[in-house]
Amino acid sequence: MRVLLGALLVVAASPARGQGCAVARLDVADWALVRSADVPGFTLRLPRAFTRDSTAPSNAARATSRTAWWADATRGRLGIRSAHDSSAHAELAAAGGRSGYLRCEERVGSAVAVIVHYEAGAQGNQNGPFVVRARIRWADGEELDVRGDAPDRERLAQLLTAVRTIRRSGA
C-alpha cells in the first residue's frame, strides 16, 4: 500500500504542463527596458542590439490581436501579444518528434509562464535555428503569447531570459 501511495504521489507531482526551466541566467542589467503601444501595460528587457521591428511575419497579420516585434541583425526576433480572447490563443507546440524540445513552467514576476523551445532546423542540428514559444498567465486571467526565433544558442539563451523579464505594469 505504501509503494502504491508513493507511486500515486509521484504521478500527481509530475504535471504534464512541464518541468522547471533549466537554462543559463543572463545578467540583464545593461539590457534595454522596452514596451510597445501594440501591447500596452507590459515591459520586458532585451539586449540593446534588438530594435522595434515593424515588418511583422505574414502569419502575424492574420492574428486578431496586435503583436509587438523586436529583432536584431542576426535574425533573432521576439514578439508578444495579448491573449485576451480565445481567438488570440496560439497553441504551444507539442514535442511531436521535434529535436531539442523542452517544455517547462516557472514564475515570471507575479505570473506563471509555460515556455517551449526546440530546434527549427534539420533534425539533430543543435546549433540552431531555434523556436521559442511561451504563454504567460496572471492570476486574474490576463495572458500574453510570446513568439521568438533564435539563429543560434546565444540568441536562444537571450530570448529565454527576455521572456523571464516580462512584467505587467503595476504587477
Protein backbone atom coordinates (compact mmCIF):
# COMPACT_ATOMS: atom_id res chain seq x y z
CA MET A 1 0.00 0.00 0.00
CA ARG A 2 2.83 2.39 0.89
CA VAL A 3 4.50 1.78 -2.51
CA LEU A 4 1.21 2.38 -4.33
CA LEU A 5 0.64 5.62 -2.44
CA GLY A 6 4.21 6.73 -3.22
CA ALA A 7 3.70 5.96 -6.91
CA LEU A 8 0.45 7.95 -6.94
CA LEU A 9 2.20 10.91 -5.34
CA VAL A 10 4.95 10.80 -7.96
CA VAL A 11 2.37 10.74 -10.77
CA ALA A 12 0.38 13.57 -9.15
CA ALA A 13 3.54 15.61 -8.62
CA SER A 14 4.63 15.15 -12.26
CA PRO A 15 2.34 17.56 -14.10
CA ALA A 16 2.03 17.30 -17.86
CA ARG A 17 2.39 21.06 -18.04
CA GLY A 18 6.18 20.87 -17.83
CA GLN A 19 9.29 20.80 -15.75
CA GLY A 20 11.28 23.65 -14.22
CA CYS A 21 13.21 25.68 -16.77
CA ALA A 22 16.90 24.78 -16.61
CA VAL A 23 18.70 27.41 -18.65
CA ALA A 24 21.53 29.85 -18.04
CA ARG A 25 20.54 33.05 -16.28
CA LEU A 26 21.99 36.05 -18.04
CA ASP A 27 22.70 39.43 -16.45
CA VAL A 28 20.12 41.86 -17.83
CA ALA A 29 21.34 44.99 -16.02
CA ASP A 30 22.60 46.53 -19.29
CA TRP A 31 19.63 45.41 -21.39
CA ALA A 32 17.09 47.96 -22.59
CA LEU A 33 13.70 48.16 -20.85
CA VAL A 34 11.20 48.14 -23.72
CA ARG A 35 7.43 48.46 -24.17
CA SER A 36 5.07 48.84 -27.09
CA ALA A 37 1.77 50.59 -27.75
CA ASP A 38 0.77 47.41 -29.63
CA VAL A 39 0.66 45.55 -26.30
CA PRO A 40 0.08 48.25 -23.67
CA GLY A 41 0.72 47.62 -19.98
CA PHE A 42 3.74 45.32 -20.32
CA THR A 43 7.51 45.75 -20.24
CA LEU A 44 10.44 43.46 -20.86
CA ARG A 45 14.20 43.65 -21.10
CA LEU A 46 16.05 42.91 -24.33
CA PRO A 47 19.70 43.14 -25.39
CA ARG A 48 20.39 46.58 -26.84
CA ALA A 49 21.01 45.01 -30.27
CA PHE A 50 17.24 44.42 -30.55
CA THR A 51 15.10 47.19 -32.03
CA ARG A 52 11.40 47.52 -32.85
CA ASP A 53 10.53 45.57 -35.98
CA SER A 54 7.51 46.84 -37.88
CA THR A 55 7.83 44.13 -40.55
CA ALA A 56 5.59 41.53 -38.91
CA PRO A 57 5.72 37.96 -40.19
CA SER A 58 2.92 37.11 -42.62
CA ASN A 59 1.16 34.76 -40.18
CA ALA A 60 1.00 37.54 -37.58
CA ALA A 61 -1.10 39.66 -39.94
CA ARG A 62 -3.96 37.16 -39.56
CA ALA A 63 -3.93 37.35 -35.77
CA THR A 64 -6.81 39.20 -34.13
CA SER A 65 -4.52 40.77 -31.51
CA ARG A 66 -1.71 43.13 -32.43
CA THR A 67 1.80 41.78 -31.93
CA ALA A 68 4.81 43.88 -30.86
CA TRP A 69 8.02 42.65 -32.53
CA TRP A 70 11.69 43.29 -31.84
CA ALA A 71 14.59 41.99 -33.96
CA ASP A 72 18.36 42.20 -34.26
CA ALA A 73 20.82 41.92 -37.14
CA THR A 74 21.36 38.17 -36.59
CA ARG A 75 17.69 37.47 -37.38
CA GLY A 76 16.88 36.96 -33.73
CA ARG A 77 13.25 38.02 -33.21
CA LEU A 78 10.80 38.24 -30.31
CA GLY A 79 7.11 39.12 -30.42
CA ILE A 80 4.47 39.48 -27.72
CA ARG A 81 0.73 39.83 -28.00
CA SER A 82 -2.19 39.95 -25.63
CA ALA A 83 -4.20 36.76 -25.47
CA HIS A 84 -7.30 38.43 -24.03
CA ASP A 85 -9.75 36.43 -26.15
CA SER A 86 -9.86 32.79 -27.19
CA SER A 87 -9.18 33.62 -30.85
CA ALA A 88 -5.79 35.05 -29.89
CA HIS A 89 -4.52 31.88 -28.22
CA ALA A 90 -1.67 30.27 -30.06
CA GLU A 91 -1.21 26.65 -29.16
CA LEU A 92 2.16 25.80 -27.67
CA ALA A 93 3.86 23.22 -29.85
CA ALA A 94 3.92 19.64 -28.65
CA ALA A 95 7.09 17.54 -28.78
CA GLY A 96 5.88 15.62 -31.84
CA GLY A 97 9.37 14.39 -32.75
CA ARG A 98 10.89 17.89 -32.60
CA SER A 99 14.61 17.82 -31.93
CA GLY A 100 15.85 19.60 -28.81
CA TYR A 101 12.29 20.05 -27.49
CA LEU A 102 11.87 21.37 -23.95
CA ARG A 103 8.67 22.44 -22.21
CA CYS A 104 8.94 24.00 -18.77
CA GLU A 105 6.98 26.10 -16.32
CA GLU A 106 8.17 28.84 -13.98
CA ARG A 107 7.18 32.04 -12.21
CA VAL A 108 7.71 35.22 -14.18
CA GLY A 109 7.15 38.10 -11.78
CA SER A 110 3.64 37.58 -10.43
CA ALA A 111 2.63 35.35 -13.37
CA VAL A 112 3.25 31.76 -14.41
CA ALA A 113 4.92 31.08 -17.76
CA VAL A 114 4.82 27.90 -19.78
CA ILE A 115 7.84 28.07 -22.07
CA VAL A 116 8.57 25.80 -25.04
CA HIS A 117 11.66 25.80 -27.22
CA TYR A 118 13.00 23.47 -29.87
CA GLU A 119 15.27 23.27 -32.89
CA ALA A 120 13.64 24.64 -36.04
CA GLY A 121 16.20 23.36 -38.49
CA ALA A 122 17.20 19.91 -39.63
CA GLN A 123 16.79 17.08 -37.16
CA GLY A 124 19.78 16.93 -34.81
CA ASN A 125 21.16 20.39 -35.68
CA GLN A 126 21.91 21.51 -32.12
CA ASN A 127 23.37 24.86 -33.19
CA GLY A 128 20.10 26.38 -34.43
CA PRO A 129 17.95 27.87 -35.60
CA PHE A 130 15.61 27.64 -32.61
CA VAL A 131 11.97 28.48 -31.91
CA VAL A 132 10.72 29.89 -28.60
CA ARG A 133 7.06 29.99 -27.60
CA ALA A 134 5.56 30.94 -24.25
CA ARG A 135 2.23 31.62 -22.63
CA ILE A 136 2.33 33.86 -19.57
CA ARG A 137 -0.75 33.96 -17.33
CA TRP A 138 -1.54 36.18 -14.36
CA ALA A 139 -3.85 35.17 -11.50
CA ASP A 140 -6.65 37.45 -12.81
CA GLY A 141 -6.70 35.53 -16.13
CA GLU A 142 -4.77 38.02 -18.28
CA GLU A 143 -2.40 36.26 -20.71
CA LEU A 144 0.38 37.03 -23.15
CA ASP A 145 1.57 34.87 -26.02
CA VAL A 146 5.28 35.13 -26.80
CA ARG A 147 6.98 34.01 -30.03
CA GLY A 148 10.65 34.07 -30.83
CA ASP A 149 13.19 32.88 -33.36
CA ALA A 150 16.87 32.47 -32.49
CA PRO A 151 19.57 31.81 -35.09
CA ASP A 152 21.95 30.25 -32.55
CA ARG A 153 22.31 29.11 -28.92
CA GLU A 154 23.49 32.53 -27.75
CA ARG A 155 20.33 34.25 -29.01
CA LEU A 156 18.23 31.35 -27.69
CA ALA A 157 19.57 31.99 -24.18
CA GLN A 158 18.88 35.72 -24.61
CA LEU A 159 15.29 35.16 -25.76
CA LEU A 160 14.56 32.72 -22.94
CA THR A 161 15.96 35.26 -20.47
CA ALA A 162 13.91 38.05 -22.08
CA VAL A 163 10.71 36.01 -21.57
CA ARG A 164 11.55 35.86 -17.86
CA THR A 165 11.78 39.67 -17.68
CA ILE A 166 8.23 40.35 -18.95
CA ARG A 167 6.26 42.27 -16.35
CA ARG A 168 2.82 43.76 -16.26
CA SER A 169 2.81 47.44 -15.33
CA GLY A 170 1.88 47.71 -11.70
CA ALA A 171 2.34 43.94 -11.10
